[in-house]
PDB file of N, CA and C in Angstrom:
ATOM      1  N   UNK A   1       4.324 -49.604 -59.416  1.00  0.00           N
ATOM      2  CA  UNK A   1       3.949 -50.789 -58.670  1.00  0.00           C
ATOM      3  C   UNK A   1       3.668 -51.907 -59.662  1.00  0.00           C
ATOM      4  N   UNK A   2       4.230 -53.103 -59.369  1.00  0.00           N
ATOM      5  CA  UNK A   2       3.999 -54.238 -60.264  1.00  0.00           C
ATOM      6  C   UNK A   2       2.576 -54.756 -60.117  1.00  0.00           C
ATOM      7  N   UNK A   3       2.141 -55.471 -61.133  1.00  0.00           N
ATOM      8  CA  UNK A   3       0.788 -56.033 -61.094  1.00  0.00           C
ATOM      9  C   UNK A   3       0.722 -57.139 -60.044  1.00  0.00           C
ATOM     10  N   UNK A   4      -0.325 -57.140 -59.235  1.00  0.00           N
ATOM     11  CA  UNK A   4      -0.467 -58.196 -58.229  1.00  0.00           C
ATOM     12  C   UNK A   4      -0.638 -59.552 -58.895  1.00  0.00           C
ATOM     13  N   UNK A   5      -0.003 -60.569 -58.309  1.00  0.00           N
ATOM     14  CA  UNK A   5      -0.073 -61.911 -58.878  1.00  0.00           C
ATOM     15  C   UNK A   5      -1.252 -62.703 -58.328  1.00  0.00           C
ATOM     16  N   UNK A   6      -1.829 -62.237 -57.238  1.00  0.00           N
ATOM     17  CA  UNK A   6      -2.925 -62.991 -56.639  1.00  0.00           C
ATOM     18  C   UNK A   6      -3.966 -62.038 -56.071  1.00  0.00           C
ATOM     19  N   UNK A   7      -5.096 -62.609 -55.718  1.00  0.00           N
ATOM     20  CA  UNK A   7      -6.170 -61.826 -55.108  1.00  0.00           C
ATOM     21  C   UNK A   7      -5.690 -61.200 -53.804  1.00  0.00           C
ATOM     22  N   UNK A   8      -4.953 -61.959 -53.018  1.00  0.00           N
ATOM     23  CA  UNK A   8      -4.454 -61.447 -51.738  1.00  0.00           C
ATOM     24  C   UNK A   8      -3.517 -60.257 -51.952  1.00  0.00           C
ATOM     25  N   UNK A   9      -2.637 -60.356 -52.933  1.00  0.00           N
ATOM     26  CA  UNK A   9      -1.723 -59.244 -53.225  1.00  0.00           C
ATOM     27  C   UNK A   9      -2.499 -58.023 -53.710  1.00  0.00           C
ATOM     28  N   UNK A  10      -3.520 -58.261 -54.527  1.00  0.00           N
ATOM     29  CA  UNK A  10      -4.351 -57.152 -54.993  1.00  0.00           C
ATOM     30  C   UNK A  10      -5.023 -56.455 -53.818  1.00  0.00           C
ATOM     31  N   UNK A  11      -5.573 -57.244 -52.900  1.00  0.00           N
ATOM     32  CA  UNK A  11      -6.249 -56.667 -51.737  1.00  0.00           C
ATOM     33  C   UNK A  11      -5.272 -55.911 -50.843  1.00  0.00           C
ATOM     34  N   UNK A  12      -4.081 -56.437 -50.666  1.00  0.00           N
ATOM     35  CA  UNK A  12      -3.068 -55.748 -49.864  1.00  0.00           C
ATOM     36  C   UNK A  12      -2.666 -54.429 -50.517  1.00  0.00           C
ATOM     37  N   UNK A  13      -2.452 -54.454 -51.830  1.00  0.00           N
ATOM     38  CA  UNK A  13      -2.080 -53.233 -52.547  1.00  0.00           C
ATOM     39  C   UNK A  13      -3.215 -52.213 -52.487  1.00  0.00           C
ATOM     40  N   UNK A  14      -4.446 -52.681 -52.635  1.00  0.00           N
ATOM     41  CA  UNK A  14      -5.609 -51.790 -52.572  1.00  0.00           C
ATOM     42  C   UNK A  14      -5.754 -51.183 -51.188  1.00  0.00           C
ATOM     43  N   UNK A  15      -5.568 -51.990 -50.155  1.00  0.00           N
ATOM     44  CA  UNK A  15      -5.662 -51.491 -48.780  1.00  0.00           C
ATOM     45  C   UNK A  15      -4.594 -50.435 -48.520  1.00  0.00           C
ATOM     46  N   UNK A  16      -3.403 -50.655 -49.049  1.00  0.00           N
ATOM     47  CA  UNK A  16      -2.327 -49.672 -48.876  1.00  0.00           C
ATOM     48  C   UNK A  16      -2.685 -48.347 -49.551  1.00  0.00           C
ATOM     49  N   UNK A  17      -3.206 -48.418 -50.763  1.00  0.00           N
ATOM     50  CA  UNK A  17      -3.605 -47.195 -51.476  1.00  0.00           C
ATOM     51  C   UNK A  17      -4.710 -46.459 -50.721  1.00  0.00           C
ATOM     52  N   UNK A  18      -5.678 -47.212 -50.221  1.00  0.00           N
ATOM     53  CA  UNK A  18      -6.769 -46.593 -49.462  1.00  0.00           C
ATOM     54  C   UNK A  18      -6.243 -45.926 -48.199  1.00  0.00           C
ATOM     55  N   UNK A  19      -5.268 -46.550 -47.560  1.00  0.00           N
ATOM     56  CA  UNK A  19      -4.681 -45.967 -46.357  1.00  0.00           C
ATOM     57  C   UNK A  19      -3.969 -44.659 -46.692  1.00  0.00           C
ATOM     58  N   UNK A  20      -3.197 -44.655 -47.767  1.00  0.00           N
ATOM     59  CA  UNK A  20      -2.484 -43.443 -48.183  1.00  0.00           C
ATOM     60  C   UNK A  20      -3.477 -42.337 -48.517  1.00  0.00           C
ATOM     61  N   UNK A  21      -4.541 -42.668 -49.211  1.00  0.00           N
ATOM     62  CA  UNK A  21      -5.538 -41.670 -49.634  1.00  0.00           C
ATOM     63  C   UNK A  21      -6.511 -41.311 -48.521  1.00  0.00           C
ATOM     64  N   UNK A  22      -6.501 -42.065 -47.437  1.00  0.00           N
ATOM     65  CA  UNK A  22      -7.496 -41.905 -46.388  1.00  0.00           C
ATOM     66  C   UNK A  22      -7.385 -40.648 -45.558  1.00  0.00           C
ATOM     67  N   UNK A  23      -6.267 -39.964 -45.620  1.00  0.00           N
ATOM     68  CA  UNK A  23      -6.126 -38.710 -44.874  1.00  0.00           C
ATOM     69  C   UNK A  23      -7.116 -37.700 -45.456  1.00  0.00           C
ATOM     70  N   UNK A  24      -7.875 -37.004 -44.620  1.00  0.00           N
ATOM     71  CA  UNK A  24      -8.900 -36.082 -45.135  1.00  0.00           C
ATOM     72  C   UNK A  24      -8.367 -35.032 -46.114  1.00  0.00           C
ATOM     73  N   UNK A  25      -7.199 -34.474 -45.841  1.00  0.00           N
ATOM     74  CA  UNK A  25      -6.661 -33.465 -46.755  1.00  0.00           C
ATOM     75  C   UNK A  25      -6.226 -34.091 -48.075  1.00  0.00           C
ATOM     76  N   UNK A  26      -5.673 -35.293 -48.024  1.00  0.00           N
ATOM     77  CA  UNK A  26      -5.291 -35.962 -49.276  1.00  0.00           C
ATOM     78  C   UNK A  26      -6.527 -36.280 -50.104  1.00  0.00           C
ATOM     79  N   UNK A  27      -7.607 -36.676 -49.444  1.00  0.00           N
ATOM     80  CA  UNK A  27      -8.849 -36.947 -50.173  1.00  0.00           C
ATOM     81  C   UNK A  27      -9.359 -35.668 -50.823  1.00  0.00           C
ATOM     82  N   UNK A  28      -9.302 -34.551 -50.095  1.00  0.00           N
ATOM     83  CA  UNK A  28      -9.719 -33.266 -50.671  1.00  0.00           C
ATOM     84  C   UNK A  28      -8.832 -32.896 -51.851  1.00  0.00           C
ATOM     85  N   UNK A  29      -7.530 -33.142 -51.729  1.00  0.00           N
ATOM     86  CA  UNK A  29      -6.610 -32.869 -52.837  1.00  0.00           C
ATOM     87  C   UNK A  29      -6.996 -33.680 -54.066  1.00  0.00           C
ATOM     88  N   UNK A  30      -7.223 -34.972 -53.875  1.00  0.00           N
ATOM     89  CA  UNK A  30      -7.564 -35.843 -55.000  1.00  0.00           C
ATOM     90  C   UNK A  30      -8.874 -35.423 -55.654  1.00  0.00           C
ATOM     91  N   UNK A  31      -9.858 -35.082 -54.852  1.00  0.00           N
ATOM     92  CA  UNK A  31     -11.146 -34.652 -55.396  1.00  0.00           C
ATOM     93  C   UNK A  31     -10.989 -33.343 -56.162  1.00  0.00           C
ATOM     94  N   UNK A  32     -10.240 -32.407 -55.603  1.00  0.00           N
ATOM     95  CA  UNK A  32     -10.034 -31.116 -56.262  1.00  0.00           C
ATOM     96  C   UNK A  32      -9.273 -31.292 -57.569  1.00  0.00           C
ATOM     97  N   UNK A  33      -8.246 -32.128 -57.555  1.00  0.00           N
ATOM     98  CA  UNK A  33      -7.475 -32.394 -58.776  1.00  0.00           C
ATOM     99  C   UNK A  33      -8.372 -33.038 -59.828  1.00  0.00           C
ATOM    100  N   UNK A  34      -9.151 -34.041 -59.439  1.00  0.00           N
ATOM    101  CA  UNK A  34      -9.997 -34.751 -60.404  1.00  0.00           C
ATOM    102  C   UNK A  34     -11.088 -33.856 -60.980  1.00  0.00           C
ATOM    103  N   UNK A  35     -11.628 -32.970 -60.156  1.00  0.00           N
ATOM    104  CA  UNK A  35     -12.665 -32.060 -60.648  1.00  0.00           C
ATOM    105  C   UNK A  35     -12.090 -31.047 -61.632  1.00  0.00           C
ATOM    106  N   UNK A  36     -10.779 -30.888 -61.622  1.00  0.00           N
ATOM    107  CA  UNK A  36     -10.140 -29.962 -62.545  1.00  0.00           C
ATOM    108  C   UNK A  36     -10.227 -28.517 -62.111  1.00  0.00           C
ATOM    109  N   UNK A  37     -10.676 -28.281 -60.871  1.00  0.00           N
ATOM    110  CA  UNK A  37     -10.787 -26.909 -60.375  1.00  0.00           C
ATOM    111  C   UNK A  37      -9.413 -26.287 -60.183  1.00  0.00           C
ATOM    112  N   UNK A  38      -8.505 -27.047 -59.643  1.00  0.00           N
ATOM    113  CA  UNK A  38      -7.159 -26.583 -59.349  1.00  0.00           C
ATOM    114  C   UNK A  38      -6.235 -27.776 -59.424  1.00  0.00           C
ATOM    115  N   UNK A  39      -5.106 -27.599 -60.059  1.00  0.00           N
ATOM    116  CA  UNK A  39      -4.191 -28.728 -60.110  1.00  0.00           C
ATOM    117  C   UNK A  39      -2.732 -28.333 -59.968  1.00  0.00           C
ATOM    118  N   UNK A  40      -2.440 -27.062 -59.713  1.00  0.00           N
ATOM    119  CA  UNK A  40      -1.070 -26.687 -59.375  1.00  0.00           C
ATOM    120  C   UNK A  40      -1.043 -26.328 -57.893  1.00  0.00           C
ATOM    121  N   UNK A  41       0.142 -26.384 -57.296  1.00  0.00           N
ATOM    122  CA  UNK A  41       0.259 -26.214 -55.845  1.00  0.00           C
ATOM    123  C   UNK A  41      -0.358 -24.905 -55.375  1.00  0.00           C
ATOM    124  N   UNK A  42      -0.065 -23.822 -56.066  1.00  0.00           N
ATOM    125  CA  UNK A  42      -0.588 -22.513 -55.647  1.00  0.00           C
ATOM    126  C   UNK A  42      -2.108 -22.506 -55.633  1.00  0.00           C
ATOM    127  N   UNK A  43      -2.725 -23.027 -56.677  1.00  0.00           N
ATOM    128  CA  UNK A  43      -4.187 -23.069 -56.734  1.00  0.00           C
ATOM    129  C   UNK A  43      -4.747 -24.015 -55.676  1.00  0.00           C
ATOM    130  N   UNK A  44      -4.061 -25.124 -55.454  1.00  0.00           N
ATOM    131  CA  UNK A  44      -4.541 -26.098 -54.467  1.00  0.00           C
ATOM    132  C   UNK A  44      -4.519 -25.529 -53.062  1.00  0.00           C
ATOM    133  N   UNK A  45      -3.432 -24.857 -52.680  1.00  0.00           N
ATOM    134  CA  UNK A  45      -3.414 -24.336 -51.301  1.00  0.00           C
ATOM    135  C   UNK A  45      -4.382 -23.186 -51.130  1.00  0.00           C
ATOM    136  N   UNK A  46      -4.610 -22.423 -52.175  1.00  0.00           N
ATOM    137  CA  UNK A  46      -5.615 -21.354 -52.075  1.00  0.00           C
ATOM    138  C   UNK A  46      -7.024 -21.948 -51.985  1.00  0.00           C
ATOM    139  N   UNK A  47      -7.300 -22.918 -52.812  1.00  0.00           N
ATOM    140  CA  UNK A  47      -8.627 -23.541 -52.849  1.00  0.00           C
ATOM    141  C   UNK A  47      -8.938 -24.275 -51.541  1.00  0.00           C
ATOM    142  N   UNK A  48      -7.947 -24.962 -51.000  1.00  0.00           N
ATOM    143  CA  UNK A  48      -8.166 -25.774 -49.805  1.00  0.00           C
ATOM    144  C   UNK A  48      -7.829 -25.041 -48.511  1.00  0.00           C
ATOM    145  N   UNK A  49      -7.385 -23.794 -48.649  1.00  0.00           N
ATOM    146  CA  UNK A  49      -7.088 -22.945 -47.481  1.00  0.00           C
ATOM    147  C   UNK A  49      -6.087 -23.603 -46.529  1.00  0.00           C
ATOM    148  N   UNK A  50      -5.027 -24.121 -47.117  1.00  0.00           N
ATOM    149  CA  UNK A  50      -3.922 -24.723 -46.369  1.00  0.00           C
ATOM    150  C   UNK A  50      -2.626 -24.062 -46.830  1.00  0.00           C
ATOM    151  N   UNK A  51      -1.599 -24.149 -46.019  1.00  0.00           N
ATOM    152  CA  UNK A  51      -0.320 -23.548 -46.399  1.00  0.00           C
ATOM    153  C   UNK A  51       0.333 -24.342 -47.527  1.00  0.00           C
ATOM    154  N   UNK A  52       1.182 -23.664 -48.270  1.00  0.00           N
ATOM    155  CA  UNK A  52       1.876 -24.301 -49.384  1.00  0.00           C
ATOM    156  C   UNK A  52       2.725 -25.488 -48.919  1.00  0.00           C
ATOM    157  N   UNK A  53       3.479 -25.367 -47.808  1.00  0.00           N
ATOM    158  CA  UNK A  53       4.261 -26.531 -47.369  1.00  0.00           C
ATOM    159  C   UNK A  53       3.399 -27.748 -47.024  1.00  0.00           C
ATOM    160  N   UNK A  54       2.240 -27.525 -46.439  1.00  0.00           N
ATOM    161  CA  UNK A  54       1.345 -28.639 -46.086  1.00  0.00           C
ATOM    162  C   UNK A  54       0.845 -29.326 -47.354  1.00  0.00           C
ATOM    163  N   UNK A  55       0.396 -28.542 -48.322  1.00  0.00           N
ATOM    164  CA  UNK A  55      -0.081 -29.113 -49.591  1.00  0.00           C
ATOM    165  C   UNK A  55       1.045 -29.865 -50.286  1.00  0.00           C
ATOM    166  N   UNK A  56       2.216 -29.255 -50.350  1.00  0.00           N
ATOM    167  CA  UNK A  56       3.359 -29.896 -51.011  1.00  0.00           C
ATOM    168  C   UNK A  56       3.734 -31.208 -50.340  1.00  0.00           C
ATOM    169  N   UNK A  57       3.676 -31.243 -49.021  1.00  0.00           N
ATOM    170  CA  UNK A  57       4.009 -32.460 -48.286  1.00  0.00           C
ATOM    171  C   UNK A  57       3.028 -33.587 -48.631  1.00  0.00           C
ATOM    172  N   UNK A  58       1.748 -33.277 -48.667  1.00  0.00           N
ATOM    173  CA  UNK A  58       0.753 -34.306 -48.983  1.00  0.00           C
ATOM    174  C   UNK A  58       0.846 -34.738 -50.446  1.00  0.00           C
ATOM    175  N   UNK A  59       1.114 -33.804 -51.341  1.00  0.00           N
ATOM    176  CA  UNK A  59       1.299 -34.173 -52.747  1.00  0.00           C
ATOM    177  C   UNK A  59       2.522 -35.069 -52.910  1.00  0.00           C
ATOM    178  N   UNK A  60       3.576 -34.800 -52.143  1.00  0.00           N
ATOM    179  CA  UNK A  60       4.784 -35.626 -52.208  1.00  0.00           C
ATOM    180  C   UNK A  60       4.485 -37.067 -51.794  1.00  0.00           C
ATOM    181  N   UNK A  61       3.664 -37.237 -50.763  1.00  0.00           N
ATOM    182  CA  UNK A  61       3.279 -38.588 -50.324  1.00  0.00           C
ATOM    183  C   UNK A  61       2.506 -39.292 -51.438  1.00  0.00           C
ATOM    184  N   UNK A  62       1.550 -38.590 -52.032  1.00  0.00           N
ATOM    185  CA  UNK A  62       0.750 -39.180 -53.115  1.00  0.00           C
ATOM    186  C   UNK A  62       1.617 -39.500 -54.330  1.00  0.00           C
ATOM    187  N   UNK A  63       2.569 -38.632 -54.616  1.00  0.00           N
ATOM    188  CA  UNK A  63       3.451 -38.851 -55.768  1.00  0.00           C
ATOM    189  C   UNK A  63       4.399 -40.016 -55.497  1.00  0.00           C
ATOM    190  N   UNK A  64       4.923 -40.096 -54.288  1.00  0.00           N
ATOM    191  CA  UNK A  64       5.831 -41.181 -53.911  1.00  0.00           C
ATOM    192  C   UNK A  64       5.158 -42.541 -54.056  1.00  0.00           C
ATOM    193  N   UNK A  65       3.859 -42.586 -53.831  1.00  0.00           N
ATOM    194  CA  UNK A  65       3.092 -43.830 -53.933  1.00  0.00           C
ATOM    195  C   UNK A  65       2.516 -44.047 -55.338  1.00  0.00           C
ATOM    196  N   UNK A  66       2.923 -43.213 -56.290  1.00  0.00           N
ATOM    197  CA  UNK A  66       2.471 -43.312 -57.689  1.00  0.00           C
ATOM    198  C   UNK A  66       0.962 -43.178 -57.833  1.00  0.00           C
ATOM    199  N   UNK A  67       0.377 -42.352 -56.981  1.00  0.00           N
ATOM    200  CA  UNK A  67      -1.057 -42.083 -57.058  1.00  0.00           C
ATOM    201  C   UNK A  67      -1.305 -40.854 -57.914  1.00  0.00           C
ATOM    202  N   UNK A  68      -0.440 -39.860 -57.785  1.00  0.00           N
ATOM    203  CA  UNK A  68      -0.488 -38.688 -58.653  1.00  0.00           C
ATOM    204  C   UNK A  68       0.862 -38.536 -59.337  1.00  0.00           C
ATOM    205  N   UNK A  69       0.856 -37.776 -60.407  1.00  0.00           N
ATOM    206  CA  UNK A  69       2.091 -37.404 -61.091  1.00  0.00           C
ATOM    207  C   UNK A  69       1.940 -35.955 -61.500  1.00  0.00           C
ATOM    208  N   UNK A  70       3.038 -35.366 -61.909  1.00  0.00           N
ATOM    209  CA  UNK A  70       2.975 -33.958 -62.285  1.00  0.00           C
ATOM    210  C   UNK A  70       3.740 -33.724 -63.571  1.00  0.00           C
ATOM    211  N   UNK A  71       3.367 -32.644 -64.220  1.00  0.00           N
ATOM    212  CA  UNK A  71       4.080 -32.185 -65.409  1.00  0.00           C
ATOM    213  C   UNK A  71       4.165 -30.667 -65.313  1.00  0.00           C
ATOM    214  N   UNK A  72       5.098 -30.102 -66.038  1.00  0.00           N
ATOM    215  CA  UNK A  72       5.269 -28.651 -65.993  1.00  0.00           C
ATOM    216  C   UNK A  72       4.632 -28.041 -67.235  1.00  0.00           C
ATOM    217  N   UNK A  73       3.748 -27.077 -66.989  1.00  0.00           N
ATOM    218  CA  UNK A  73       3.079 -26.344 -68.061  1.00  0.00           C
ATOM    219  C   UNK A  73       3.150 -24.862 -67.738  1.00  0.00           C
ATOM    220  N   UNK A  74       3.822 -24.108 -68.579  1.00  0.00           N
ATOM    221  CA  UNK A  74       3.932 -22.655 -68.395  1.00  0.00           C
ATOM    222  C   UNK A  74       4.370 -22.288 -66.975  1.00  0.00           C
ATOM    223  N   UNK A  75       5.491 -22.812 -66.543  1.00  0.00           N
ATOM    224  CA  UNK A  75       6.074 -22.511 -65.228  1.00  0.00           C
ATOM    225  C   UNK A  75       5.241 -23.004 -64.049  1.00  0.00           C
ATOM    226  N   UNK A  76       4.266 -23.851 -64.276  1.00  0.00           N
ATOM    227  CA  UNK A  76       3.457 -24.406 -63.192  1.00  0.00           C
ATOM    228  C   UNK A  76       3.573 -25.923 -63.207  1.00  0.00           C
ATOM    229  N   UNK A  77       3.667 -26.497 -62.030  1.00  0.00           N
ATOM    230  CA  UNK A  77       3.656 -27.954 -61.904  1.00  0.00           C
ATOM    231  C   UNK A  77       2.203 -28.381 -61.732  1.00  0.00           C
ATOM    232  N   UNK A  78       1.688 -29.089 -62.713  1.00  0.00           N
ATOM    233  CA  UNK A  78       0.291 -29.514 -62.753  1.00  0.00           C
ATOM    234  C   UNK A  78       0.200 -30.982 -62.317  1.00  0.00           C
ATOM    235  N   UNK A  79      -0.699 -31.244 -61.383  1.00  0.00           N
ATOM    236  CA  UNK A  79      -0.869 -32.599 -60.851  1.00  0.00           C
ATOM    237  C   UNK A  79      -2.103 -33.261 -61.444  1.00  0.00           C
ATOM    238  N   UNK A  80      -1.995 -34.581 -61.617  1.00  0.00           N
ATOM    239  CA  UNK A  80      -3.141 -35.373 -62.061  1.00  0.00           C
ATOM    240  C   UNK A  80      -3.066 -36.745 -61.400  1.00  0.00           C
ATOM    241  N   UNK A  81      -4.217 -37.367 -61.269  1.00  0.00           N
ATOM    242  CA  UNK A  81      -4.277 -38.716 -60.696  1.00  0.00           C
ATOM    243  C   UNK A  81      -3.890 -39.699 -61.792  1.00  0.00           C
ATOM    244  N   UNK A  82      -2.920 -40.559 -61.495  1.00  0.00           N
ATOM    245  CA  UNK A  82      -2.460 -41.524 -62.493  1.00  0.00           C
ATOM    246  C   UNK A  82      -2.769 -42.974 -62.107  1.00  0.00           C
ATOM    247  N   UNK A  83      -3.140 -43.203 -60.878  1.00  0.00           N
ATOM    248  CA  UNK A  83      -3.466 -44.561 -60.456  1.00  0.00           C
ATOM    249  C   UNK A  83      -4.921 -44.854 -60.816  1.00  0.00           C
ATOM    250  N   UNK A  84      -5.173 -45.837 -61.683  1.00  0.00           N
ATOM    251  CA  UNK A  84      -6.546 -46.120 -62.129  1.00  0.00           C
ATOM    252  C   UNK A  84      -7.491 -46.498 -60.989  1.00  0.00           C
ATOM    253  N   UNK A  85      -7.010 -47.252 -60.022  1.00  0.00           N
ATOM    254  CA  UNK A  85      -7.834 -47.671 -58.885  1.00  0.00           C
ATOM    255  C   UNK A  85      -8.296 -46.456 -58.092  1.00  0.00           C
ATOM    256  N   UNK A  86      -7.363 -45.566 -57.771  1.00  0.00           N
ATOM    257  CA  UNK A  86      -7.683 -44.362 -56.999  1.00  0.00           C
ATOM    258  C   UNK A  86      -8.571 -43.430 -57.817  1.00  0.00           C
ATOM    259  N   UNK A  87      -8.264 -43.299 -59.096  1.00  0.00           N
ATOM    260  CA  UNK A  87      -9.068 -42.427 -59.962  1.00  0.00           C
ATOM    261  C   UNK A  87     -10.520 -42.895 -59.993  1.00  0.00           C
ATOM    262  N   UNK A  88     -10.723 -44.197 -60.083  1.00  0.00           N
ATOM    263  CA  UNK A  88     -12.084 -44.750 -60.110  1.00  0.00           C
ATOM    264  C   UNK A  88     -12.820 -44.460 -58.799  1.00  0.00           C
ATOM    265  N   UNK A  89     -12.121 -44.582 -57.685  1.00  0.00           N
ATOM    266  CA  UNK A  89     -12.739 -44.299 -56.384  1.00  0.00           C
ATOM    267  C   UNK A  89     -13.125 -42.828 -56.285  1.00  0.00           C
ATOM    268  N   UNK A  90     -12.221 -41.947 -56.692  1.00  0.00           N
ATOM    269  CA  UNK A  90     -12.496 -40.505 -56.624  1.00  0.00           C
ATOM    270  C   UNK A  90     -13.667 -40.147 -57.538  1.00  0.00           C
ATOM    271  N   UNK A  91     -13.702 -40.718 -58.739  1.00  0.00           N
ATOM    272  CA  UNK A  91     -14.821 -40.461 -59.651  1.00  0.00           C
ATOM    273  C   UNK A  91     -16.130 -40.961 -59.050  1.00  0.00           C
ATOM    274  N   UNK A  92     -16.075 -42.106 -58.388  1.00  0.00           N
ATOM    275  CA  UNK A  92     -17.279 -42.635 -57.731  1.00  0.00           C
ATOM    276  C   UNK A  92     -17.742 -41.683 -56.629  1.00  0.00           C
ATOM    277  N   UNK A  93     -16.806 -41.196 -55.832  1.00  0.00           N
ATOM    278  CA  UNK A  93     -17.157 -40.244 -54.772  1.00  0.00           C
ATOM    279  C   UNK A  93     -17.801 -38.990 -55.358  1.00  0.00           C
ATOM    280  N   UNK A  94     -17.213 -38.477 -56.432  1.00  0.00           N
ATOM    281  CA  UNK A  94     -17.734 -37.255 -57.050  1.00  0.00           C
ATOM    282  C   UNK A  94     -19.141 -37.442 -57.601  1.00  0.00           C
ATOM    283  N   UNK A  95     -19.446 -38.648 -58.062  1.00  0.00           N
ATOM    284  CA  UNK A  95     -20.770 -38.883 -58.646  1.00  0.00           C
ATOM    285  C   UNK A  95     -21.789 -39.381 -57.622  1.00  0.00           C
ATOM    286  N   UNK A  96     -21.354 -39.601 -56.391  1.00  0.00           N
ATOM    287  CA  UNK A  96     -22.268 -40.137 -55.384  1.00  0.00           C
ATOM    288  C   UNK A  96     -23.323 -39.111 -54.991  1.00  0.00           C
ATOM    289  N   UNK A  97     -24.465 -39.625 -54.597  1.00  0.00           N
ATOM    290  CA  UNK A  97     -25.570 -38.770 -54.160  1.00  0.00           C
ATOM    291  C   UNK A  97     -25.170 -37.922 -52.955  1.00  0.00           C
ATOM    292  N   UNK A  98     -24.436 -38.526 -52.034  1.00  0.00           N
ATOM    293  CA  UNK A  98     -24.009 -37.812 -50.830  1.00  0.00           C
ATOM    294  C   UNK A  98     -23.133 -36.614 -51.184  1.00  0.00           C
ATOM    295  N   UNK A  99     -22.210 -36.806 -52.134  1.00  0.00           N
ATOM    296  CA  UNK A  99     -21.327 -35.712 -52.547  1.00  0.00           C
ATOM    297  C   UNK A  99     -22.134 -34.623 -53.236  1.00  0.00           C
ATOM    298  N   UNK A 100     -23.091 -35.013 -54.064  1.00  0.00           N
ATOM    299  CA  UNK A 100     -23.924 -34.030 -54.754  1.00  0.00           C
ATOM    300  C   UNK A 100     -24.690 -33.178 -53.747  1.00  0.00           C
ATOM    301  N   UNK A 101     -25.233 -33.820 -52.721  1.00  0.00           N
ATOM    302  CA  UNK A 101     -25.961 -33.086 -51.678  1.00  0.00           C
ATOM    303  C   UNK A 101     -25.018 -32.181 -50.896  1.00  0.00           C
ATOM    304  N   UNK A 102     -23.841 -32.691 -50.547  1.00  0.00           N
ATOM    305  CA  UNK A 102     -22.878 -31.919 -49.753  1.00  0.00           C
ATOM    306  C   UNK A 102     -22.388 -30.693 -50.515  1.00  0.00           C
ATOM    307  N   UNK A 103     -22.236 -30.806 -51.823  1.00  0.00           N
ATOM    308  CA  UNK A 103     -21.758 -29.676 -52.621  1.00  0.00           C
ATOM    309  C   UNK A 103     -22.809 -28.585 -52.743  1.00  0.00           C
ATOM    310  N   UNK A 104     -24.080 -28.936 -52.584  1.00  0.00           N
ATOM    311  CA  UNK A 104     -25.149 -27.938 -52.656  1.00  0.00           C
ATOM    312  C   UNK A 104     -25.238 -27.121 -51.379  1.00  0.00           C
ATOM    313  N   UNK A 105     -24.791 -27.708 -50.260  1.00  0.00           N
ATOM    314  CA  UNK A 105     -24.866 -27.023 -48.959  1.00  0.00           C
ATOM    315  C   UNK A 105     -23.796 -25.960 -48.813  1.00  0.00           C
TER     316      UNK A 105
END
């Protein structure tokens, strides 16, 4: 994605990213990837208790929007968040008081 030339373009691009990430399962994927608990498809579907096709479909949407990218390591496709805006939001969520409380429950 090219750099926004104006505040309005930045806000539109940000709103689009938030919409893409707004699906509850995609948010769980991003949080799980950022925490480093699981980052390959097999680990992600086991961790999130979803089928492999469902996880792959959501990862494809995130990858198509340049929010995540993948690399191959030892026969596994490893995903990571590459969009700085989304990464910052996910890190903020992970450090929030609400998330800390929810993880204890």
